Amino acid sequence: GGLVQAGGSLRLSCTASGLTLDSYTLGWFRQAPGKQREG
């Protein structure tokens, strides 16, 4: 994550230790202040 101008791009990564991610369906979620966490 980081700061970017509107129209720009970012690439997020998620890594795990002690867990093999290929065993699971995975999801990205986000939450802004005052809002519910959304998938």
All heavy atoms as atom14 arrays in JSON, in Angstrom:
{
  "sequence": "GGLVQAGGSLRLSCTASGLTLDSYTLGWFRQAPGKQREG",
  "atom14_mask": [
    [1, 1, 1, 1, 0, 0, 0, 0, 0, 0, 0, 0, 0, 0],
    [1, 1, 1, 1, 0, 0, 0, 0, 0, 0, 0, 0, 0, 0],
    [1, 1, 1, 1, 1, 1, 1, 1, 0, 0, 0, 0, 0, 0],
    [1, 1, 1, 1, 1, 1, 1, 0, 0, 0, 0, 0, 0, 0],
    [1, 1, 1, 1, 1, 1, 1, 1, 1, 0, 0, 0, 0, 0],
    [1, 1, 1, 1, 1, 0, 0, 0, 0, 0, 0, 0, 0, 0],
    [1, 1, 1, 1, 0, 0, 0, 0, 0, 0, 0, 0, 0, 0],
    [1, 1, 1, 1, 0, 0, 0, 0, 0, 0, 0, 0, 0, 0],
    [1, 1, 1, 1, 1, 1, 0, 0, 0, 0, 0, 0, 0, 0],
    [1, 1, 1, 1, 1, 1, 1, 1, 0, 0, 0, 0, 0, 0],
    [1, 1, 1, 1, 1, 1, 1, 1, 1, 1, 1, 0, 0, 0],
    [1, 1, 1, 1, 1, 1, 1, 1, 0, 0, 0, 0, 0, 0],
    [1, 1, 1, 1, 1, 1, 0, 0, 0, 0, 0, 0, 0, 0],
    [1, 1, 1, 1, 1, 1, 0, 0, 0, 0, 0, 0, 0, 0],
    [1, 1, 1, 1, 1, 1, 1, 0, 0, 0, 0, 0, 0, 0],
    [1, 1, 1, 1, 1, 0, 0, 0, 0, 0, 0, 0, 0, 0],
    [1, 1, 1, 1, 1, 1, 0, 0, 0, 0, 0, 0, 0, 0],
    [1, 1, 1, 1, 0, 0, 0, 0, 0, 0, 0, 0, 0, 0],
    [1, 1, 1, 1, 1, 1, 1, 1, 0, 0, 0, 0, 0, 0],
    [1, 1, 1, 1, 1, 1, 1, 0, 0, 0, 0, 0, 0, 0],
    [1, 1, 1, 1, 1, 1, 1, 1, 0, 0, 0, 0, 0, 0],
    [1, 1, 1, 1, 1, 1, 1, 1, 0, 0, 0, 0, 0, 0],
    [1, 1, 1, 1, 1, 1, 0, 0, 0, 0, 0, 0, 0, 0],
    [1, 1, 1, 1, 1, 1, 1, 1, 1, 1, 1, 1, 0, 0],
    [1, 1, 1, 1, 1, 1, 1, 0, 0, 0, 0, 0, 0, 0],
    [1, 1, 1, 1, 1, 1, 1, 1, 0, 0, 0, 0, 0, 0],
    [1, 1, 1, 1, 0, 0, 0, 0, 0, 0, 0, 0, 0, 0],
    [1, 1, 1, 1, 1, 1, 1, 1, 1, 1, 1, 1, 1, 1],
    [1, 1, 1, 1, 1, 1, 1, 1, 1, 1, 1, 0, 0, 0],
    [1, 1, 1, 1, 1, 1, 1, 1, 1, 1, 1, 0, 0, 0],
    [1, 1, 1, 1, 1, 1, 1, 1, 1, 0, 0, 0, 0, 0],
    [1, 1, 1, 1, 1, 0, 0, 0, 0, 0, 0, 0, 0, 0],
    [1, 1, 1, 1, 1, 1, 1, 0, 0, 0, 0, 0, 0, 0],
    [1, 1, 1, 1, 0, 0, 0, 0, 0, 0, 0, 0, 0, 0],
    [1, 1, 1, 1, 1, 1, 1, 1, 1, 0, 0, 0, 0, 0],
    [1, 1, 1, 1, 1, 1, 1, 1, 1, 0, 0, 0, 0, 0],
    [1, 1, 1, 1, 1, 1, 1, 1, 1, 1, 1, 0, 0, 0],
    [1, 1, 1, 1, 1, 1, 1, 1, 1, 0, 0, 0, 0, 0],
    [1, 1, 1, 1, 0, 0, 0, 0, 0, 0, 0, 0, 0, 0]
  ],
  "atom14_positions": [
    [[0.81, -1.2, 0.0], [0.0, 0.0, 0.0], [0.85, 1.25, 0.0], [2.07, 1.2, 0.1], [0.0, 0.0, 0.0], [0.0, 0.0, 0.0], [0.0, 0.0, 0.0], [0.0, 0.0, 0.0], [0.0, 0.0, 0.0], [0.0, 0.0, 0.0], [0.0, 0.0, 0.0], [0.0, 0.0, 0.0], [0.0, 0.0, 0.0], [0.0, 0.0, 0.0]],
    [[0.18, 2.38, -0.13], [0.88, 3.65, -0.14], [-0.02, 4.76, -0.6], [-1.24, 4.61, -0.68], [0.0, 0.0, 0.0], [0.0, 0.0, 0.0], [0.0, 0.0, 0.0], [0.0, 0.0, 0.0], [0.0, 0.0, 0.0], [0.0, 0.0, 0.0], [0.0, 0.0, 0.0], [0.0, 0.0, 0.0], [0.0, 0.0, 0.0], [0.0, 0.0, 0.0]],
    [[0.6, 5.88, -0.92], [-0.11, 7.06, -1.39], [0.04, 7.16, -2.9], [1.15, 7.08, -3.43], [0.45, 8.32, -0.73], [-0.1, 9.66, -1.2], [-1.59, 9.77, -0.88], [0.68, 10.8, -0.56], [0.0, 0.0, 0.0], [0.0, 0.0, 0.0], [0.0, 0.0, 0.0], [0.0, 0.0, 0.0], [0.0, 0.0, 0.0], [0.0, 0.0, 0.0]],
    [[-1.07, 7.34, -3.6], [-1.04, 7.41, -5.05], [-2.08, 8.43, -5.53], [-3.1, 8.65, -4.88], [-1.31, 6.02, -5.67], [-2.72, 5.54, -5.34], [-1.07, 6.03, -7.17], [0.0, 0.0, 0.0], [0.0, 0.0, 0.0], [0.0, 0.0, 0.0], [0.0, 0.0, 0.0], [0.0, 0.0, 0.0], [0.0, 0.0, 0.0], [0.0, 0.0, 0.0]],
    [[-1.8, 9.05, -6.65], [-2.74, 10.0, -7.25], [-3.88, 9.26, -7.92], [-3.73, 8.12, -8.37], [-2.03, 10.87, -8.29], [-0.97, 11.8, -7.74], [-1.56, 12.99, -7.01], [-2.65, 13.46, -7.35], [-0.86, 13.48, -6.01], [0.0, 0.0, 0.0], [0.0, 0.0, 0.0], [0.0, 0.0, 0.0], [0.0, 0.0, 0.0], [0.0, 0.0, 0.0]],
    [[-5.03, 9.89, -7.98], [-6.16, 9.3, -8.69], [-5.75, 8.93, -10.1], [-5.07, 9.7, -10.79], [-7.34, 10.27, -8.71], [0.0, 0.0, 0.0], [0.0, 0.0, 0.0], [0.0, 0.0, 0.0], [0.0, 0.0, 0.0], [0.0, 0.0, 0.0], [0.0, 0.0, 0.0], [0.0, 0.0, 0.0], [0.0, 0.0, 0.0], [0.0, 0.0, 0.0]],
    [[-6.18, 7.75, -10.53], [-5.8, 7.25, -11.84], [-4.55, 6.39, -11.83], [-4.25, 5.73, -12.82], [0.0, 0.0, 0.0], [0.0, 0.0, 0.0], [0.0, 0.0, 0.0], [0.0, 0.0, 0.0], [0.0, 0.0, 0.0], [0.0, 0.0, 0.0], [0.0, 0.0, 0.0], [0.0, 0.0, 0.0], [0.0, 0.0, 0.0], [0.0, 0.0, 0.0]],
    [[-3.84, 6.38, -10.71], [-2.63, 5.61, -10.6], [-2.88, 4.16, -10.25], [-4.03, 3.7, -10.18], [0.0, 0.0, 0.0], [0.0, 0.0, 0.0], [0.0, 0.0, 0.0], [0.0, 0.0, 0.0], [0.0, 0.0, 0.0], [0.0, 0.0, 0.0], [0.0, 0.0, 0.0], [0.0, 0.0, 0.0], [0.0, 0.0, 0.0], [0.0, 0.0, 0.0]],
    [[-1.79, 3.43, -10.03], [-1.87, 1.99, -9.77], [-1.03, 1.58, -8.58], [-0.03, 2.23, -8.25], [-1.39, 1.2, -10.99], [-2.18, 1.46, -12.14], [0.0, 0.0, 0.0], [0.0, 0.0, 0.0], [0.0, 0.0, 0.0], [0.0, 0.0, 0.0], [0.0, 0.0, 0.0], [0.0, 0.0, 0.0], [0.0, 0.0, 0.0], [0.0, 0.0, 0.0]],
    [[-1.45, 0.52, -7.94], [-0.69, -0.12, -6.87], [-0.88, -1.62, -6.99], [-1.9, -2.09, -7.48], [-1.17, 0.34, -5.49], [-0.8, 1.74, -5.02], [-1.54, 2.05, -3.72], [0.7, 1.87, -4.81], [0.0, 0.0, 0.0], [0.0, 0.0, 0.0], [0.0, 0.0, 0.0], [0.0, 0.0, 0.0], [0.0, 0.0, 0.0], [0.0, 0.0, 0.0]],
    [[0.1, -2.36, -6.51], [-0.01, -3.81, -6.45], [0.19, -4.27, -5.01], [1.27, -4.08, -4.45], [1.01, -4.49, -7.35], [0.76, -5.99, -7.53], [1.9, -6.68, -8.25], [1.53, -8.0, -8.72], [2.39, -8.92, -9.14], [3.69, -8.65, -9.18], [1.95, -10.11, -9.55], [0.0, 0.0, 0.0], [0.0, 0.0, 0.0], [0.0, 0.0, 0.0]],
    [[-0.83, -4.85, -4.44], [-0.76, -5.35, -3.09], [-0.35, -6.82, -3.1], [-0.7, -7.56, -4.01], [-2.11, -5.21, -2.38], [-2.74, -3.82, -2.36], [-4.02, -3.85, -1.51], [-1.77, -2.77, -1.83], [0.0, 0.0, 0.0], [0.0, 0.0, 0.0], [0.0, 0.0, 0.0], [0.0, 0.0, 0.0], [0.0, 0.0, 0.0], [0.0, 0.0, 0.0]],
    [[0.36, -7.22, -2.06], [0.76, -8.6, -1.9], [0.34, -9.1, -0.53], [0.24, -8.33, 0.42], [2.28, -8.76, -2.05], [2.72, -8.37, -3.33], [0.0, 0.0, 0.0], [0.0, 0.0, 0.0], [0.0, 0.0, 0.0], [0.0, 0.0, 0.0], [0.0, 0.0, 0.0], [0.0, 0.0, 0.0], [0.0, 0.0, 0.0], [0.0, 0.0, 0.0]],
    [[0.11, -10.39, -0.44], [-0.23, -11.01, 0.82], [0.57, -12.3, 0.93], [0.49, -13.16, 0.05], [-1.73, -11.3, 0.89], [-2.27, -12.13, 2.4], [0.0, 0.0, 0.0], [0.0, 0.0, 0.0], [0.0, 0.0, 0.0], [0.0, 0.0, 0.0], [0.0, 0.0, 0.0], [0.0, 0.0, 0.0], [0.0, 0.0, 0.0], [0.0, 0.0, 0.0]],
    [[1.34, -12.41, 1.98], [2.15, -13.6, 2.21], [1.77, -14.23, 3.53], [1.25, -13.57, 4.43], [3.65, -13.28, 2.19], [3.94, -12.31, 3.21], [4.06, -12.72, 0.84], [0.0, 0.0, 0.0], [0.0, 0.0, 0.0], [0.0, 0.0, 0.0], [0.0, 0.0, 0.0], [0.0, 0.0, 0.0], [0.0, 0.0, 0.0], [0.0, 0.0, 0.0]],
    [[2.07, -15.51, 3.66], [1.72, -16.23, 4.87], [2.86, -17.13, 5.32], [3.6, -17.68, 4.5], [0.47, -17.06, 4.66], [0.0, 0.0, 0.0], [0.0, 0.0, 0.0], [0.0, 0.0, 0.0], [0.0, 0.0, 0.0], [0.0, 0.0, 0.0], [0.0, 0.0, 0.0], [0.0, 0.0, 0.0], [0.0, 0.0, 0.0], [0.0, 0.0, 0.0]],
    [[2.98, -17.27, 6.61], [3.9, -18.23, 7.19], [3.1, -19.13, 8.12], [2.15, -18.69, 8.76], [5.02, -17.53, 7.97], [4.5, -16.74, 9.02], [0.0, 0.0, 0.0], [0.0, 0.0, 0.0], [0.0, 0.0, 0.0], [0.0, 0.0, 0.0], [0.0, 0.0, 0.0], [0.0, 0.0, 0.0], [0.0, 0.0, 0.0], [0.0, 0.0, 0.0]],
    [[3.48, -20.39, 8.16], [2.75, -21.34, 8.98], [1.41, -21.75, 8.39], [0.58, -22.34, 9.08], [0.0, 0.0, 0.0], [0.0, 0.0, 0.0], [0.0, 0.0, 0.0], [0.0, 0.0, 0.0], [0.0, 0.0, 0.0], [0.0, 0.0, 0.0], [0.0, 0.0, 0.0], [0.0, 0.0, 0.0], [0.0, 0.0, 0.0], [0.0, 0.0, 0.0]],
    [[1.21, -21.43, 7.12], [-0.05, -21.73, 6.45], [0.21, -21.83, 4.95], [0.88, -20.98, 4.38], [-1.06, -20.62, 6.73], [-2.48, -20.82, 6.22], [-3.19, -21.91, 7.02], [-3.26, -19.51, 6.31], [0.0, 0.0, 0.0], [0.0, 0.0, 0.0], [0.0, 0.0, 0.0], [0.0, 0.0, 0.0], [0.0, 0.0, 0.0], [0.0, 0.0, 0.0]],
    [[-0.32, -22.86, 4.35], [-0.2, -23.03, 2.9], [-1.43, -22.44, 2.23], [-2.53, -22.99, 2.35], [-0.05, -24.51, 2.53], [1.1, -25.05, 3.19], [0.13, -24.67, 1.03], [0.0, 0.0, 0.0], [0.0, 0.0, 0.0], [0.0, 0.0, 0.0], [0.0, 0.0, 0.0], [0.0, 0.0, 0.0], [0.0, 0.0, 0.0], [0.0, 0.0, 0.0]],
    [[-1.25, -21.34, 1.54], [-2.38, -20.61, 0.99], [-3.1, -21.36, -0.11], [-4.28, -21.1, -0.35], [-1.93, -19.23, 0.49], [-1.45, -18.25, 1.56], [-1.06, -16.92, 0.9], [-2.51, -18.03, 2.62], [0.0, 0.0, 0.0], [0.0, 0.0, 0.0], [0.0, 0.0, 0.0], [0.0, 0.0, 0.0], [0.0, 0.0, 0.0], [0.0, 0.0, 0.0]],
    [[-2.41, -22.27, -0.78], [-3.08, -22.98, -1.87], [-4.15, -23.94, -1.38], [-4.86, -24.54, -2.2], [-2.07, -23.69, -2.79], [-1.3, -24.81, -2.11], [-1.58, -25.15, -0.95], [-0.39, -25.36, -2.77], [0.0, 0.0, 0.0], [0.0, 0.0, 0.0], [0.0, 0.0, 0.0], [0.0, 0.0, 0.0], [0.0, 0.0, 0.0], [0.0, 0.0, 0.0]],
    [[-4.28, -24.07, -0.07], [-5.34, -24.9, 0.5], [-6.66, -24.15, 0.64], [-7.68, -24.75, 1.01], [-4.93, -25.43, 1.87], [-3.8, -26.27, 1.78], [0.0, 0.0, 0.0], [0.0, 0.0, 0.0], [0.0, 0.0, 0.0], [0.0, 0.0, 0.0], [0.0, 0.0, 0.0], [0.0, 0.0, 0.0], [0.0, 0.0, 0.0], [0.0, 0.0, 0.0]],
    [[-6.65, -22.84, 0.35], [-7.8, -22.01, 0.63], [-8.2, -21.11, -0.53], [-7.36, -20.64, -1.3], [-7.51, -21.09, 1.82], [-7.13, -21.8, 3.09], [-5.8, -22.01, 3.41], [-8.11, -22.26, 3.96], [-5.45, -22.67, 4.57], [-7.76, -22.92, 5.12], [-6.42, -23.12, 5.42], [-6.08, -23.76, 6.59], [0.0, 0.0, 0.0], [0.0, 0.0, 0.0]],
    [[-9.5, -20.87, -0.62], [-9.98, -19.71, -1.34], [-9.52, -18.47, -0.56], [-9.53, -18.47, 0.68], [-11.52, -19.74, -1.42], [-11.93, -20.76, -2.33], [-12.09, -18.4, -1.86], [0.0, 0.0, 0.0], [0.0, 0.0, 0.0], [0.0, 0.0, 0.0], [0.0, 0.0, 0.0], [0.0, 0.0, 0.0], [0.0, 0.0, 0.0], [0.0, 0.0, 0.0]],
    [[-9.11, -17.44, -1.26], [-8.57, -16.24, -0.63], [-9.36, -15.01, -1.04], [-9.89, -14.94, -2.14], [-7.1, -16.05, -1.02], [-6.15, -17.2, -0.71], [-4.77, -16.92, -1.29], [-6.05, -17.43, 0.8], [0.0, 0.0, 0.0], [0.0, 0.0, 0.0], [0.0, 0.0, 0.0], [0.0, 0.0, 0.0], [0.0, 0.0, 0.0], [0.0, 0.0, 0.0]],
    [[-9.38, -14.03, -0.14], [-10.1, -12.81, -0.43], [-9.36, -11.56, 0.0], [-8.55, -11.59, 0.93], [0.0, 0.0, 0.0], [0.0, 0.0, 0.0], [0.0, 0.0, 0.0], [0.0, 0.0, 0.0], [0.0, 0.0, 0.0], [0.0, 0.0, 0.0], [0.0, 0.0, 0.0], [0.0, 0.0, 0.0], [0.0, 0.0, 0.0], [0.0, 0.0, 0.0]],
    [[-9.64, -10.47, -0.71], [-9.18, -9.15, -0.32], [-10.37, -8.36, 0.19], [-11.44, -8.34, -0.44], [-8.56, -8.4, -1.5], [-7.16, -8.83, -1.85], [-6.77, -9.65, -2.86], [-5.96, -8.43, -1.18], [-5.41, -9.8, -2.87], [-4.88, -9.06, -1.86], [-5.68, -7.6, -0.09], [-3.55, -8.89, -1.47], [-4.35, -7.44, 0.3], [-3.31, -8.07, -0.39]],
    [[-10.19, -7.69, 1.31], [-11.22, -6.87, 1.93], [-10.64, -5.51, 2.24], [-9.43, -5.34, 2.34], [-11.74, -7.53, 3.21], [-12.38, -8.88, 2.98], [-11.61, -10.02, 2.83], [-13.76, -9.0, 2.9], [-12.18, -11.26, 2.61], [-14.35, -10.24, 2.69], [-13.57, -11.36, 2.54], [0.0, 0.0, 0.0], [0.0, 0.0, 0.0], [0.0, 0.0, 0.0]],
    [[-11.52, -4.53, 2.4], [-11.05, -3.2, 2.75], [-12.02, -2.54, 3.71], [-13.2, -2.85, 3.74], [-10.85, -2.33, 1.51], [-12.14, -1.99, 0.75], [-11.81, -1.24, -0.52], [-13.01, -0.86, -1.26], [-13.0, -0.3, -2.46], [-11.84, -0.06, -3.08], [-14.15, 0.02, -3.05], [0.0, 0.0, 0.0], [0.0, 0.0, 0.0], [0.0, 0.0, 0.0]],
    [[-11.49, -1.62, 4.49], [-12.31, -0.89, 5.44], [-11.8, 0.53, 5.59], [-10.63, 0.75, 5.87], [-12.31, -1.58, 6.81], [-13.28, -0.98, 7.8], [-13.47, -1.84, 9.02], [-12.6, -2.64, 9.38], [-14.61, -1.71, 9.67], [0.0, 0.0, 0.0], [0.0, 0.0, 0.0], [0.0, 0.0, 0.0], [0.0, 0.0, 0.0], [0.0, 0.0, 0.0]],
    [[-12.69, 1.47, 5.38], [-12.4, 2.87, 5.59], [-13.02, 3.31, 6.9], [-14.0, 2.71, 7.36], [-12.95, 3.71, 4.43], [0.0, 0.0, 0.0], [0.0, 0.0, 0.0], [0.0, 0.0, 0.0], [0.0, 0.0, 0.0], [0.0, 0.0, 0.0], [0.0, 0.0, 0.0], [0.0, 0.0, 0.0], [0.0, 0.0, 0.0], [0.0, 0.0, 0.0]],
    [[-12.48, 4.35, 7.54], [-13.05, 4.82, 8.81], [-14.54, 5.12, 8.69], [-14.98, 5.78, 7.76], [-12.25, 6.09, 9.1], [-10.94, 5.86, 8.42], [-11.29, 5.13, 7.15], [0.0, 0.0, 0.0], [0.0, 0.0, 0.0], [0.0, 0.0, 0.0], [0.0, 0.0, 0.0], [0.0, 0.0, 0.0], [0.0, 0.0, 0.0], [0.0, 0.0, 0.0]],
    [[-15.31, 4.6, 9.64], [-16.74, 4.83, 9.66], [-17.54, 3.95, 8.72], [-18.76, 4.1, 8.64], [0.0, 0.0, 0.0], [0.0, 0.0, 0.0], [0.0, 0.0, 0.0], [0.0, 0.0, 0.0], [0.0, 0.0, 0.0], [0.0, 0.0, 0.0], [0.0, 0.0, 0.0], [0.0, 0.0, 0.0], [0.0, 0.0, 0.0], [0.0, 0.0, 0.0]],
    [[-16.88, 3.06, 8.02], [-17.56, 2.17, 7.09], [-17.36, 0.72, 7.47], [-16.41, 0.37, 8.17], [-17.06, 2.4, 5.66], [-17.31, 3.79, 5.11], [-16.82, 3.9, 3.68], [-17.08, 5.27, 3.11], [-16.58, 5.39, 1.71], [0.0, 0.0, 0.0], [0.0, 0.0, 0.0], [0.0, 0.0, 0.0], [0.0, 0.0, 0.0], [0.0, 0.0, 0.0]],
    [[-18.26, -0.12, 7.01], [-18.13, -1.56, 7.23], [-17.03, -2.13, 6.35], [-16.75, -1.61, 5.28], [-19.44, -2.28, 6.93], [-20.57, -1.98, 7.9], [-21.8, -2.83, 7.61], [-22.08, -3.16, 6.46], [-22.52, -3.18, 8.66], [0.0, 0.0, 0.0], [0.0, 0.0, 0.0], [0.0, 0.0, 0.0], [0.0, 0.0, 0.0], [0.0, 0.0, 0.0]],
    [[-16.41, -3.21, 6.83], [-15.44, -3.89, 6.01], [-16.16, -4.56, 4.84], [-17.15, -5.26, 5.03], [-14.68, -4.93, 6.85], [-13.54, -5.59, 6.11], [-12.68, -6.42, 7.05], [-12.03, -5.59, 8.06], [-11.13, -6.05, 8.93], [-10.76, -7.32, 8.91], [-10.6, -5.22, 9.82], [0.0, 0.0, 0.0], [0.0, 0.0, 0.0], [0.0, 0.0, 0.0]],
    [[-15.66, -4.35, 3.65], [-16.29, -4.9, 2.47], [-15.33, -5.79, 1.7], [-14.14, -5.54, 1.63], [-16.81, -3.78, 1.56], [-15.73, -2.89, 0.99], [-16.25, -1.91, -0.05], [-17.33, -2.15, -0.61], [-15.56, -0.89, -0.29], [0.0, 0.0, 0.0], [0.0, 0.0, 0.0], [0.0, 0.0, 0.0], [0.0, 0.0, 0.0], [0.0, 0.0, 0.0]],
    [[-15.89, -6.83, 1.12], [-15.11, -7.71, 0.28], [-14.96, -7.11, -1.1], [-15.95, -6.71, -1.71], [0.0, 0.0, 0.0], [0.0, 0.0, 0.0], [0.0, 0.0, 0.0], [0.0, 0.0, 0.0], [0.0, 0.0, 0.0], [0.0, 0.0, 0.0], [0.0, 0.0, 0.0], [0.0, 0.0, 0.0], [0.0, 0.0, 0.0], [0.0, 0.0, 0.0]]
  ]
}
